[in-house]
Protein backbone atom coordinates (compact mmCIF):
# COMPACT_ATOMS: atom_id res chain seq x y z
CA MET A 1 25.69 183.25 131.77
CA LYS A 2 24.43 181.13 134.66
CA LEU A 3 25.97 178.18 136.46
CA GLN A 4 22.74 176.31 135.75
CA GLN A 5 23.39 176.65 132.01
CA LEU A 6 26.89 175.20 132.37
CA LYS A 7 25.49 172.39 134.49
CA TYR A 8 22.93 171.59 131.78
CA LEU A 9 25.62 171.78 129.08
CA LEU A 10 27.79 169.20 130.83
CA ALA A 11 24.80 166.96 131.53
CA ILE A 12 24.02 166.92 127.78
CA VAL A 13 27.59 165.94 126.94
CA ASP A 14 27.75 163.29 129.69
CA ASN A 15 24.51 161.73 128.46
CA GLY A 16 25.62 161.20 124.86
CA LEU A 17 24.09 164.45 123.56
CA ASN A 18 20.67 163.13 124.51
CA ILE A 19 18.73 166.08 125.91
CA THR A 20 15.90 163.90 127.22
CA ALA A 21 18.34 161.71 129.16
CA ALA A 22 20.09 164.81 130.47
CA ALA A 23 16.77 166.22 131.66
CA ASP A 24 15.96 162.98 133.46
CA ARG A 25 19.36 163.04 135.17
CA LEU A 26 18.76 166.62 136.27
CA TYR A 27 15.17 165.94 137.40
CA THR A 28 13.86 168.64 135.08
CA SER A 29 12.04 168.90 131.76
CA GLN A 30 13.49 168.39 128.26
CA PRO A 31 12.10 171.75 127.01
CA GLY A 32 13.73 173.49 129.97
CA VAL A 33 17.15 172.04 129.14
CA SER A 34 16.76 172.91 125.45
CA LYS A 35 15.79 176.48 126.32
CA GLN A 36 18.81 177.01 128.55
CA LEU A 37 21.14 175.58 125.90
CA LYS A 38 19.67 177.95 123.31
CA LEU A 39 20.07 180.93 125.65
CA LEU A 40 23.69 179.99 126.34
CA GLU A 41 24.53 179.74 122.66
CA GLU A 42 22.80 183.05 121.96
CA GLU A 43 24.69 184.81 124.75
CA LEU A 44 28.05 183.41 123.60
CA GLY A 45 27.32 183.92 119.91
CA LEU A 46 28.61 180.40 119.31
CA GLN A 47 27.13 177.15 118.09
CA LEU A 48 28.22 174.51 120.57
CA PHE A 49 26.65 171.51 118.84
CA THR A 50 25.87 170.48 115.28
CA ARG A 51 22.24 169.58 114.68
CA LYS A 52 20.46 166.73 112.93
CA GLY A 53 16.90 167.94 112.76
CA LYS A 54 15.81 168.42 116.39
CA SER A 55 18.62 166.22 117.72
CA LEU A 56 22.23 167.07 118.50
CA GLY A 57 24.69 165.50 116.07
CA GLY A 58 28.07 166.41 117.50
CA ILE A 59 30.21 168.96 119.33
CA THR A 60 31.69 171.88 117.41
CA SER A 61 35.32 172.93 117.89
CA ALA A 62 34.14 175.99 119.77
CA GLY A 63 31.91 173.74 121.84
CA GLU A 64 34.86 171.54 122.81
CA GLN A 65 36.68 174.55 124.27
CA VAL A 66 33.61 175.88 126.08
CA ILE A 67 32.89 172.44 127.54
CA ALA A 68 36.47 172.07 128.78
CA ARG A 69 36.29 175.40 130.58
CA ALA A 70 32.80 174.65 131.89
CA ARG A 71 34.18 171.51 133.55
CA LEU A 72 36.89 173.56 135.24
CA ILE A 73 34.32 176.09 136.44
CA MET A 74 31.98 173.44 137.85
CA GLN A 75 34.91 171.71 139.52
CA GLU A 76 35.77 174.97 141.26
CA VAL A 77 32.12 175.36 142.27
CA ASP A 78 32.34 171.94 143.94
CA ASN A 79 35.60 173.00 145.62
CA ILE A 80 33.92 176.15 146.96
CA ARG A 81 31.00 174.13 148.31
CA SER A 82 33.44 171.74 149.98
CA LEU A 83 35.35 174.68 151.46
CA ALA A 84 32.14 176.21 152.77
CA SER A 85 31.11 172.90 154.30
CA ASP A 86 34.49 172.49 156.00
CA TYR A 87 34.32 176.06 157.30
CA TYR A 88 30.80 175.51 158.61
CA ASP A 89 31.84 172.33 160.45
CA GLU A 90 35.05 173.70 161.98
CA GLU A 91 35.09 173.53 165.76
CA GLU A 92 37.63 176.28 166.29
CA GLY A 93 37.17 180.01 166.00
CA THR A 94 35.75 182.90 167.99
CA LEU A 95 32.29 183.88 169.17
CA SER A 96 31.61 187.42 170.36
CA ILE A 97 28.43 188.17 172.28
CA ALA A 98 27.15 191.51 173.57
CA THR A 99 24.45 191.54 176.23
CA THR A 100 23.19 193.17 179.40
CA HIS A 101 24.40 192.49 182.93
CA THR A 102 21.30 190.47 183.83
CA GLN A 103 21.75 188.10 180.88
CA ALA A 104 25.50 187.76 181.46
CA ARG A 105 25.19 187.22 185.21
CA TYR A 106 22.04 185.11 185.54
CA VAL A 107 21.18 183.48 182.21
CA LEU A 108 24.34 182.80 180.23
CA PRO A 109 26.65 181.00 182.73
CA ASP A 110 25.04 177.56 182.34
CA ILE A 111 24.66 178.04 178.59
CA ILE A 112 28.27 179.05 178.15
CA ALA A 113 29.47 176.18 180.35
CA GLU A 114 27.67 173.69 178.11
CA PHE A 115 28.91 175.44 174.98
CA ARG A 116 32.50 175.22 176.24
CA LYS A 117 32.11 171.47 176.76
CA ARG A 118 31.00 171.06 173.17
CA TYR A 119 33.44 173.49 171.60
CA PRO A 120 36.61 173.81 173.71
CA GLY A 121 38.45 175.23 170.69
CA VAL A 122 36.15 178.24 170.34
CA SER A 123 37.23 181.45 172.09
CA LEU A 124 34.34 183.33 173.68
CA ASN A 125 34.23 187.10 174.05
CA LEU A 126 31.41 188.37 176.28
CA HIS A 127 30.72 192.12 176.28
CA GLN A 128 28.31 193.73 178.73
CA GLY A 129 26.54 197.02 178.25
CA THR A 130 23.31 198.92 177.95
CA SER A 131 21.09 198.50 174.92
CA GLU A 132 22.66 201.64 173.45
CA GLN A 133 26.18 200.33 174.05
CA ILE A 134 25.27 196.98 172.51
CA ALA A 135 23.90 198.79 169.47
CA ASP A 136 27.19 200.68 169.15
CA MET A 137 29.08 197.36 169.16
CA VAL A 138 26.75 196.07 166.46
CA ASN A 139 27.35 199.17 164.35
CA ALA A 140 31.11 198.75 164.78
CA ASN A 141 30.79 195.13 163.59
CA GLU A 142 32.47 193.88 166.77
CA ILE A 143 30.09 191.07 167.70
CA ASP A 144 28.40 187.96 166.29
CA PHE A 145 25.32 187.92 168.54
CA ALA A 146 23.44 190.56 170.51
CA ILE A 147 21.15 189.54 173.37
CA ALA A 148 18.79 192.09 174.88
CA THR A 149 15.19 192.86 175.79
CA GLY A 150 13.05 195.33 173.87
CA SER A 151 14.82 198.33 172.30
CA LYS A 152 14.22 196.86 168.84
CA ALA A 153 14.43 200.25 167.18
CA LEU A 154 18.15 200.33 167.98
CA PHE A 155 18.83 197.14 166.04
CA ASP A 156 17.50 197.63 162.53
CA ASP A 157 20.57 195.88 161.08
CA LEU A 158 19.91 192.64 162.98
CA LEU A 159 17.47 189.78 162.65
CA LEU A 160 15.95 189.32 166.13
CA VAL A 161 14.81 185.87 167.25
CA PRO A 162 12.39 185.88 170.25
CA SER A 163 13.91 183.61 172.88
CA TYR A 164 11.98 183.74 176.16
CA HIS A 165 9.63 185.80 178.32
CA TRP A 166 10.29 187.11 181.82
CA ASP A 167 8.45 189.02 184.52
CA ARG A 168 9.61 191.06 187.53
CA LYS A 169 10.47 190.10 191.07
CA ILE A 170 10.12 192.39 194.05
CA ILE A 171 13.26 192.14 196.22
CA VAL A 172 13.02 193.13 199.90
CA PRO A 173 14.78 192.36 203.21
CA ALA A 174 13.68 188.99 204.57
CA ASP A 175 11.53 190.51 207.33
CA HIS A 176 9.93 193.22 205.18
CA ALA A 177 6.22 193.97 205.55
CA LEU A 178 5.54 193.00 201.91
CA THR A 179 6.49 189.40 202.73
CA LYS A 180 3.72 189.22 205.31
CA ILE A 181 0.84 190.12 202.98
CA ASP A 182 -1.26 186.96 202.51
CA ARG A 183 -2.50 187.96 199.06
CA LYS A 184 -0.95 188.97 195.77
CA ILE A 185 0.67 192.36 196.16
CA THR A 186 -0.51 195.28 194.05
CA LEU A 187 0.98 198.44 192.63
CA ASN A 188 -0.80 200.30 195.42
CA ASP A 189 1.28 198.27 197.88
CA LEU A 190 4.52 199.12 196.05
CA ALA A 191 3.60 202.80 195.80
CA GLU A 192 3.79 203.05 199.59
CA TYR A 193 7.56 202.40 199.56
CA PRO A 194 10.64 204.01 198.03
CA LEU A 195 11.74 201.97 195.01
CA VAL A 196 15.12 200.85 193.69
CA THR A 197 15.14 199.61 190.11
CA TYR A 198 16.86 199.56 186.74
CA VAL A 199 17.88 202.94 185.41
CA PHE A 200 15.96 202.41 182.17
CA SER A 201 12.80 201.29 183.90
CA PHE A 202 11.43 204.74 184.68
CA GLY A 203 12.71 206.83 181.81
CA GLY A 204 10.90 207.79 178.63
CA GLN A 205 8.16 205.33 177.69
CA SER A 206 9.02 202.83 180.45
CA SER A 207 6.41 200.09 180.78
CA LEU A 208 6.92 200.11 184.56
CA LYS A 209 6.25 203.82 184.92
CA ARG A 210 3.28 203.50 182.59
CA ALA A 211 1.85 200.68 184.72
CA PHE A 212 1.81 202.96 187.79
CA ALA A 213 0.43 205.90 185.81
CA GLU A 214 -2.47 203.83 184.46
CA GLN A 215 -3.61 203.33 188.05
CA GLY A 216 -3.14 206.98 188.94
CA LEU A 217 -0.04 206.28 191.02
CA GLU A 218 3.30 208.08 191.18
CA PRO A 219 6.19 205.76 192.16
CA ASP A 220 8.81 207.07 194.56
CA VAL A 221 12.01 206.05 192.76
CA VAL A 222 14.95 206.86 195.01
CA PHE A 223 17.74 204.98 193.23
CA THR A 224 18.36 203.45 189.81
CA ALA A 225 21.13 201.20 188.49
CA ARG A 226 21.80 199.00 185.47
CA ASP A 227 23.12 196.14 187.57
CA ALA A 228 20.72 193.90 189.54
CA ASP A 229 23.44 193.11 192.08
CA VAL A 230 23.88 196.83 192.76
CA ILE A 231 20.12 197.15 193.25
CA LYS A 232 20.22 194.32 195.79
CA THR A 233 23.08 196.01 197.63
CA TYR A 234 20.99 199.12 198.17
CA VAL A 235 17.94 197.06 199.15
CA ARG A 236 20.14 195.50 201.85
CA MET A 237 21.09 198.99 202.99
CA GLY A 238 17.40 199.74 203.50
CA LEU A 239 17.26 202.32 200.73
CA GLY A 240 14.07 200.89 199.24
CA VAL A 241 12.16 198.01 197.65
CA GLY A 242 13.92 196.51 194.63
CA ILE A 243 12.29 195.68 191.29
CA VAL A 244 14.42 193.41 189.11
CA ALA A 245 14.09 190.89 186.29
CA SER A 246 12.83 187.52 187.50
CA MET A 247 16.11 185.84 186.44
CA ALA A 248 17.99 188.01 188.95
CA ASP A 249 16.21 186.31 191.86
CA ASP A 250 19.18 184.25 193.07
CA CYS A 251 18.83 181.49 195.67
CA ASP A 252 22.14 182.62 197.20
CA ASP A 253 20.36 185.78 198.33
CA ARG A 254 17.86 183.94 200.50
CA ASN A 255 19.86 184.41 203.71
CA ASP A 256 18.86 188.05 204.00
CA LEU A 257 16.59 188.86 201.07
CA ALA A 258 13.14 187.69 200.03
CA ALA A 259 11.60 187.73 196.55
CA VAL A 260 7.92 188.52 196.05
CA ASP A 261 6.22 187.45 192.82
CA GLY A 262 5.55 190.38 190.51
CA VAL A 263 3.78 188.51 187.70
CA GLY A 264 0.96 190.63 186.31
CA LEU A 265 2.06 193.87 187.94
CA PHE A 266 3.98 194.97 184.85
CA PRO A 267 3.90 193.95 181.19
CA ARG A 268 5.76 190.72 180.45
CA SER A 269 9.09 191.24 178.68
CA THR A 270 10.65 189.25 175.85
CA THR A 271 14.38 188.68 175.40
CA TRP A 272 15.74 188.12 171.90
CA ILE A 273 18.99 187.03 170.30
CA GLY A 274 20.03 188.88 167.15
CA PHE A 275 22.52 188.50 164.32
CA ARG A 276 23.28 190.26 161.05
CA ARG A 277 21.36 189.48 157.87
CA ASP A 278 24.62 188.79 156.04
CA ALA A 279 26.19 186.74 158.83
CA VAL A 280 28.08 183.59 157.82
CA MET A 281 26.77 181.17 160.42
CA ARG A 282 29.07 178.34 161.45
CA ARG A 283 27.75 175.23 163.13
CA TYR A 284 28.93 176.23 166.59
CA MET A 285 27.11 179.56 166.20
CA LEU A 286 23.86 177.82 165.37
CA ASP A 287 24.39 175.49 168.32
CA PHE A 288 24.77 178.50 170.60
CA VAL A 289 21.43 179.83 169.37
CA LYS A 290 19.89 176.43 170.06
CA LEU A 291 21.35 176.37 173.58
CA PHE A 292 20.04 179.88 174.30
CA ALA A 293 16.62 179.22 172.80
CA PRO A 294 16.11 175.42 172.92
CA HIS A 295 12.44 175.72 171.97
CA ILE A 296 13.47 176.57 168.39
CA THR A 297 12.94 173.57 166.12
CA ALA A 298 15.51 172.43 163.57
CA ASP A 299 13.24 173.68 160.78
CA GLN A 300 12.79 177.08 162.40
CA LEU A 301 16.52 177.37 162.95
CA GLU A 302 17.20 176.62 159.29
CA GLN A 303 14.61 179.16 158.16
CA THR A 304 16.00 181.71 160.61
CA ARG A 305 19.47 181.14 159.25
CA HIS A 306 18.35 182.04 155.73
CA ALA A 307 15.86 184.80 156.62
CA ARG A 308 16.43 188.06 154.78
CA SER A 309 14.16 190.32 156.81
CA GLN A 310 12.79 190.79 160.30
CA GLN A 311 9.30 190.34 158.91
CA GLU A 312 10.16 186.77 157.89
CA ILE A 313 11.28 185.94 161.42
CA ASP A 314 8.28 187.67 163.01
CA GLU A 315 5.97 185.58 160.81
CA LEU A 316 7.93 182.41 161.57
CA PHE A 317 7.50 182.84 165.34
CA ALA A 318 4.10 184.52 165.31
CA ASP A 319 2.40 181.53 166.92
CA ALA A 320 5.39 180.25 168.91
CA GLU A 321 4.87 179.47 172.59
CA LEU A 322 8.01 180.90 174.18
CA PRO A 323 9.27 179.58 177.53
CA THR A 324 9.20 181.87 180.56
CA ARG A 325 12.30 182.26 182.74
CA GLY A 326 11.93 182.73 186.45
CA GLY A 327 14.37 182.97 189.33
CA CYS A 328 15.18 180.89 192.40
CA GLY A 329 12.84 177.90 192.52
CA ASP A 330 11.01 178.95 189.36
CA GLY A 331 13.29 177.63 186.63
CA ILE A 332 12.03 177.72 183.07
CA THR A 333 8.35 177.25 182.32
CA VAL A 334 7.58 175.80 178.89
CA ALA A 335 4.12 176.41 177.53
CA ALA A 336 2.07 173.25 177.05
């Protein structure tokens, strides 16, 4: 038995047992309504209406009871829809986000500030960690959204929405020799100095390590950390040249540090925001996605909300022109 069959049954009754009128009210065909009525009667093993030729003549006693219960069922369906709508529109609740230090420190503050203005009744829980730690939180069902870069293989249970691109910045003391080169710096230039970078950057299949290797270079990595602020601390100590995400280039560092553009030296990275396939998305959750990735259109957001596979989302954003996030003085570049 299907809700559609009960809906058709009540439409027939409410339109004076006129199947054609019921079909018009339902914006469907008369044969379609007749077929569903026949299937319902066959499943129940009951005759709900008396017949006069091809027309309905009246309601049987069994039909009266079925119709009464069908009305109760459809009323509860409306109540459930109303409940779901109220739940969706509620402006109180919790939102748990897991992300990396760079996102939490340099990208999310302005977004969260705006979100708090819109939804002061929503409690925010922000968890920081490595990609592996974020994946563990996802597996433990502790978060609503995960925000990270790459590492897609760790997040098979999530739908990942591409949000923005970013490149690298080379962080050095303000008077460093790299700031005096009057051309775009190269990997050969970087290979002459000890390097300080993210711990994941030079392990396994790191795109940074691969970039050096493709030019026959061996980088001298003397220190790694997961925190861009820690990397800057050791650059200040003179330990080496820092390589960080472009977003970590903070204007507050300009007193003693300089940032050299690293666009093109390493492959461009893409940050995504992910959520579970079975997630019940409330309005404030969708608004958070829109704040984090404002290039997403209303139609794309709706399709994303109802996507059942990563392939659907990949196809949806296959031709999307994502913005690129920079650091101090760069802002966000939106493709024309």
